[in-house]
Protein backbone atom coordinates (compact mmCIF):
# COMPACT_ATOMS: atom_id res chain seq x y z
CA MET A 1 9.77 -18.85 19.29
CA SER A 2 9.30 -19.30 15.75
CA ARG A 3 11.14 -16.97 13.38
CA ARG A 4 8.03 -15.30 12.54
CA ASP A 5 7.42 -14.38 16.21
CA GLN A 6 10.70 -13.71 16.73
CA ILE A 7 10.50 -10.52 14.17
CA LYS A 8 6.65 -9.45 15.21
CA LEU A 9 6.05 -6.00 16.37
CA SER A 10 4.62 -5.29 19.84
CA ASP A 11 1.83 -2.92 19.73
CA ASP A 12 4.15 0.16 20.78
CA GLU A 13 6.42 -0.43 18.11
CA GLN A 14 3.85 -0.93 15.46
CA ARG A 15 2.49 2.26 16.77
CA GLU A 16 5.49 4.02 16.89
CA LEU A 17 5.99 2.78 13.06
CA LEU A 18 3.36 4.27 11.77
CA GLN A 19 3.51 7.76 13.65
CA SER A 20 7.45 8.27 12.11
CA GLU A 21 6.99 6.78 8.77
CA ARG A 22 5.20 9.22 5.99
CA ILE A 23 3.98 7.13 3.47
CA VAL A 24 2.09 4.30 3.24
CA THR A 25 1.49 2.56 -0.26
CA VAL A 26 -2.41 1.72 -0.99
CA ALA A 27 -2.95 -1.64 -2.73
CA SER A 28 -6.90 -1.80 -4.36
CA LEU A 29 -7.94 -3.94 -7.15
CA ASN A 30 -8.66 -2.38 -10.93
CA GLN A 31 -11.49 -3.48 -12.75
CA ASN A 32 -9.76 -5.93 -14.66
CA GLY A 33 -8.49 -7.63 -11.20
CA ARG A 34 -5.04 -6.16 -11.01
CA PRO A 35 -3.27 -4.55 -8.22
CA HIS A 36 -3.35 -0.50 -8.20
CA LEU A 37 -0.65 0.37 -6.30
CA MET A 38 -0.26 3.91 -4.63
CA PRO A 39 2.14 5.55 -2.36
CA LEU A 40 0.05 8.10 -0.04
CA TRP A 41 0.55 10.48 3.15
CA TYR A 42 -1.58 9.38 5.82
CA VAL A 43 -2.53 10.34 9.48
CA LEU A 44 -3.64 8.25 12.27
CA ARG A 45 -7.13 9.03 13.79
CA ASP A 46 -7.70 6.59 16.47
CA ASP A 47 -5.13 4.44 15.64
CA GLU A 48 -6.19 3.98 12.00
CA ILE A 49 -5.04 5.26 8.95
CA TRP A 50 -6.58 7.44 7.02
CA VAL A 51 -6.05 9.24 3.45
CA TYR A 52 -7.03 11.98 1.61
CA THR A 53 -7.01 12.22 -2.37
CA TYR A 54 -8.92 13.17 -4.98
CA ALA A 55 -13.01 11.75 -5.17
CA LYS A 56 -12.51 10.68 -8.97
CA SER A 57 -8.99 8.87 -8.51
CA GLN A 58 -8.57 5.62 -9.95
CA LYS A 59 -7.97 4.35 -6.12
CA VAL A 60 -11.33 5.46 -5.09
CA ARG A 61 -12.99 4.13 -8.09
CA ASN A 62 -11.45 0.96 -7.26
CA LEU A 63 -12.31 0.94 -3.46
CA GLU A 64 -16.26 2.32 -4.55
CA ARG A 65 -16.42 -0.72 -6.32
CA ASP A 66 -14.62 -3.28 -4.20
CA PRO A 67 -13.58 -1.95 -0.58
CA ARG A 68 -10.76 -4.35 0.28
CA ALA A 69 -7.13 -3.18 0.06
CA THR A 70 -3.92 -3.97 1.61
CA LEU A 71 -1.71 -1.26 3.08
CA LEU A 72 2.07 -1.47 3.31
CA ILE A 73 4.82 0.84 5.42
CA GLU A 74 8.06 -0.41 5.62
CA THR A 75 11.07 1.36 6.11
CA GLY A 76 15.16 -0.04 6.10
CA HIS A 77 17.88 -0.26 3.69
CA GLU A 78 19.46 -3.81 4.08
CA TYR A 79 17.45 -6.59 4.73
CA SER A 80 18.86 -6.18 8.32
CA GLU A 81 17.19 -3.10 8.68
CA LEU A 82 13.51 -4.11 7.39
CA ARG A 83 11.06 -3.25 9.42
CA GLY A 84 7.01 -2.92 8.45
CA VAL A 85 3.70 -3.27 8.48
CA MET A 86 0.99 -5.09 6.15
CA ILE A 87 -2.46 -4.31 7.02
CA GLU A 88 -4.99 -6.23 4.95
CA ALA A 89 -8.35 -3.31 5.73
CA ASP A 90 -11.69 -2.36 4.35
CA ALA A 91 -11.95 1.12 2.96
CA PHE A 92 -14.53 3.44 3.94
CA ILE A 93 -15.34 6.53 2.04
CA ASN A 94 -15.80 9.82 3.71
CA ARG A 95 -17.53 12.75 1.10
CA GLU A 96 -18.92 14.77 4.17
CA HIS A 97 -17.10 17.79 3.85
CA ASP A 98 -16.54 19.19 7.29
CA LEU A 99 -14.88 15.12 8.20
CA VAL A 100 -12.56 15.79 4.57
CA PHE A 101 -11.64 18.76 5.51
CA GLU A 102 -10.65 17.91 9.27
CA VAL A 103 -8.27 15.11 7.57
CA ALA A 104 -6.93 17.74 5.00
CA LYS A 105 -5.63 19.66 7.91
CA GLN A 106 -4.53 17.50 10.25
CA LEU A 107 -2.56 16.03 7.09
CA THR A 108 -1.19 19.48 6.23
CA LEU A 109 -0.21 19.61 9.68
CA ARG A 110 1.20 16.50 9.73
CA TYR A 111 3.36 17.18 6.40
CA ALA A 112 4.08 20.68 6.73
CA ASP A 113 7.16 21.51 8.50
CA GLY A 114 7.14 24.31 11.14
CA LEU A 115 2.87 24.65 10.74
CA ASP A 116 1.17 24.22 14.09
CA SER A 117 -1.98 25.80 12.76
CA ILE A 118 -4.27 26.54 9.52
CA GLU A 119 -5.76 29.71 9.75
CA GLY A 120 -7.45 32.39 7.42
CA ASP A 121 -6.31 32.05 3.58
CA ALA A 122 -5.02 29.12 3.77
CA ALA A 123 -7.94 27.72 5.88
CA GLU A 124 -10.31 28.39 3.22
CA ALA A 125 -8.11 27.14 0.03
CA LEU A 126 -8.10 23.90 2.08
CA ALA A 127 -11.61 23.78 2.52
CA SER A 128 -12.34 24.75 -0.82
CA GLN A 129 -9.96 21.76 -2.24
CA ALA A 130 -11.56 19.03 0.23
CA ARG A 131 -15.31 19.95 -1.72
CA LYS A 132 -13.34 17.79 -4.72
CA ARG A 133 -11.64 15.22 -2.31
CA VAL A 134 -12.84 12.41 -0.09
CA ALA A 135 -11.28 11.11 3.13
CA VAL A 136 -10.58 7.41 3.31
CA ARG A 137 -10.50 5.16 6.43
CA PHE A 138 -8.67 2.02 6.56
CA VAL A 139 -10.36 -0.58 8.82
CA ALA A 140 -7.45 -3.31 9.62
CA ARG A 141 -8.49 -6.76 9.17
CA ARG A 142 -5.45 -8.34 9.60
CA THR A 143 -2.15 -7.19 9.98
CA ALA A 144 1.52 -8.87 9.56
CA THR A 145 4.50 -7.13 11.16
CA TRP A 146 8.14 -7.53 10.90
CA ASP A 147 11.68 -6.13 12.21
CA HIS A 148 14.34 -7.78 10.58
CA ARG A 149 16.70 -5.84 13.26
CA LYS A 150 15.24 -8.38 15.44
CA LEU A 151 17.54 -11.22 13.87
CA GLY A 152 20.70 -9.80 15.02
CA GLY A 153 22.10 -10.25 11.82
CA ALA A 154 21.67 -14.57 11.74
CA TYR A 155 19.39 -15.03 8.73
């Protein structure tokens, strides 16, 4: 077995990592061709990564021009602890208010400790914010994963 195969995450391990971590770094391409990297909160919808962001943000302008993106979710402090997933993906920008609002609610519930529903004034405020935002769906085209813990300290 190759070392690459030895450290690869199984589908279940990859899903657990995506569910447990909180930040995805999204790389898009600026107009000058240089990478533009941004850390974002995300939600999983049907095992796909979705983000919620301002419609006029640089990352959205970049993805409108070129929908190719690379996503990175990684954890660990020491080399022997590193585990992660890198996803080459195509971005689909959604502007439909109800869908953007739904992603906003899911994101809020995921990141707000102790909150299990969004209603009343909070829902109205979130719906209002959603008018200036988009929901971006990333469809994976190629994935690479690693878990250095599987090396057992041998490099």
